[in-house]
């Protein structure tokens, strides 16, 4: 699956929630709820996610956003 396109998804968060989620990823765990939200956002953009997601960090904004890279198929779009 290498070479597949990736889209960046940013999800709004609170400072406290972002710290907790960052700590999970630093421990090697995942945050299923926000990963599911990133997949949903890819669908909303008309892209078909492969299910491969990478936590890319936090924005410096106030409030911060969670950044995820979602791998998507090039030839498949959301059914209309």
Protein backbone atom coordinates (compact mmCIF):
# COMPACT_ATOMS: atom_id res chain seq x y z
CA UNK A 1 0.00 0.00 0.00
CA UNK A 2 2.94 2.33 -0.13
CA UNK A 3 2.56 5.33 -2.33
CA UNK A 4 -1.10 5.85 -1.53
CA UNK A 5 -2.14 9.47 -0.96
CA UNK A 6 -2.58 10.86 2.51
CA UNK A 7 -4.82 13.71 3.58
CA UNK A 8 -4.28 15.75 6.73
CA UNK A 9 -7.28 16.05 9.00
CA UNK A 10 -7.40 18.48 11.93
CA UNK A 11 -9.97 17.92 14.65
CA UNK A 12 -10.83 20.60 17.20
CA UNK A 13 -10.01 19.75 20.79
CA UNK A 14 -9.59 21.32 24.19
CA UNK A 15 -6.19 21.86 25.76
CA UNK A 16 -6.82 19.21 28.45
CA UNK A 17 -8.23 16.65 26.01
CA UNK A 18 -5.33 17.23 23.59
CA UNK A 19 -2.77 16.65 26.37
CA UNK A 20 -4.46 13.37 27.36
CA UNK A 21 -4.64 12.15 23.76
CA UNK A 22 -1.02 13.12 23.08
CA UNK A 23 0.04 11.17 26.20
CA UNK A 24 -1.82 8.08 24.89
CA UNK A 25 0.04 8.16 21.59
CA UNK A 26 3.37 8.76 23.32
CA UNK A 27 2.73 5.53 25.27
CA UNK A 28 2.00 3.64 22.05
CA UNK A 29 -1.78 3.54 22.59
CA UNK A 30 -4.46 4.93 20.31
CA UNK A 31 -7.51 7.14 20.78
CA UNK A 32 -10.24 5.34 18.89
CA UNK A 33 -12.86 8.09 19.13
CA UNK A 34 -10.69 10.73 17.45
CA UNK A 35 -9.38 8.25 14.85
CA UNK A 36 -12.98 7.40 13.94
CA UNK A 37 -13.71 11.14 13.67
CA UNK A 38 -10.73 11.54 11.31
CA UNK A 39 -12.08 8.72 9.12
CA UNK A 40 -15.50 10.38 9.10
CA UNK A 41 -13.89 13.66 8.02
CA UNK A 42 -12.14 11.93 5.11
CA UNK A 43 -15.52 10.56 3.98
CA UNK A 44 -17.03 14.06 4.27
CA UNK A 45 -14.29 15.30 1.93
CA UNK A 46 -15.37 12.72 -0.65
CA UNK A 47 -12.36 10.44 -0.14
CA UNK A 48 -12.36 6.72 0.69
CA UNK A 49 -10.11 6.00 3.71
CA UNK A 50 -8.08 2.79 3.73
CA UNK A 51 -8.26 2.62 7.51
CA UNK A 52 -4.59 3.53 7.92
CA UNK A 53 -4.30 6.53 10.23
CA UNK A 54 -1.28 8.18 11.79
CA UNK A 55 -1.43 10.65 14.64
CA UNK A 56 0.65 13.60 13.42
CA UNK A 57 0.54 15.76 16.55
CA UNK A 58 -1.17 18.92 17.72
CA UNK A 59 -1.54 22.40 16.31
CA UNK A 60 -0.26 25.35 18.30
CA UNK A 61 -3.64 27.08 18.13
CA UNK A 62 -5.74 28.05 21.08
CA UNK A 63 -7.58 25.79 21.38
CA UNK A 64 -5.34 23.15 19.81
CA UNK A 65 -6.44 20.72 17.11
CA UNK A 66 -5.50 17.06 16.78
CA UNK A 67 -3.71 16.33 13.49
CA UNK A 68 -4.16 12.98 11.75
CA UNK A 69 -2.83 11.73 8.43
CA UNK A 70 -5.44 9.48 6.81
CA UNK A 71 -4.42 7.23 3.92
CA UNK A 72 -7.04 7.27 1.16
CA UNK A 73 -7.65 5.44 -2.10
CA UNK A 74 -6.99 7.44 -5.25
CA UNK A 75 -9.49 5.71 -7.49
CA UNK A 76 -12.36 5.42 -5.05
CA UNK A 77 -14.62 8.24 -4.02
CA UNK A 78 -17.53 8.31 -1.64
CA UNK A 79 -20.63 6.78 -3.27
CA UNK A 80 -23.26 9.38 -4.16
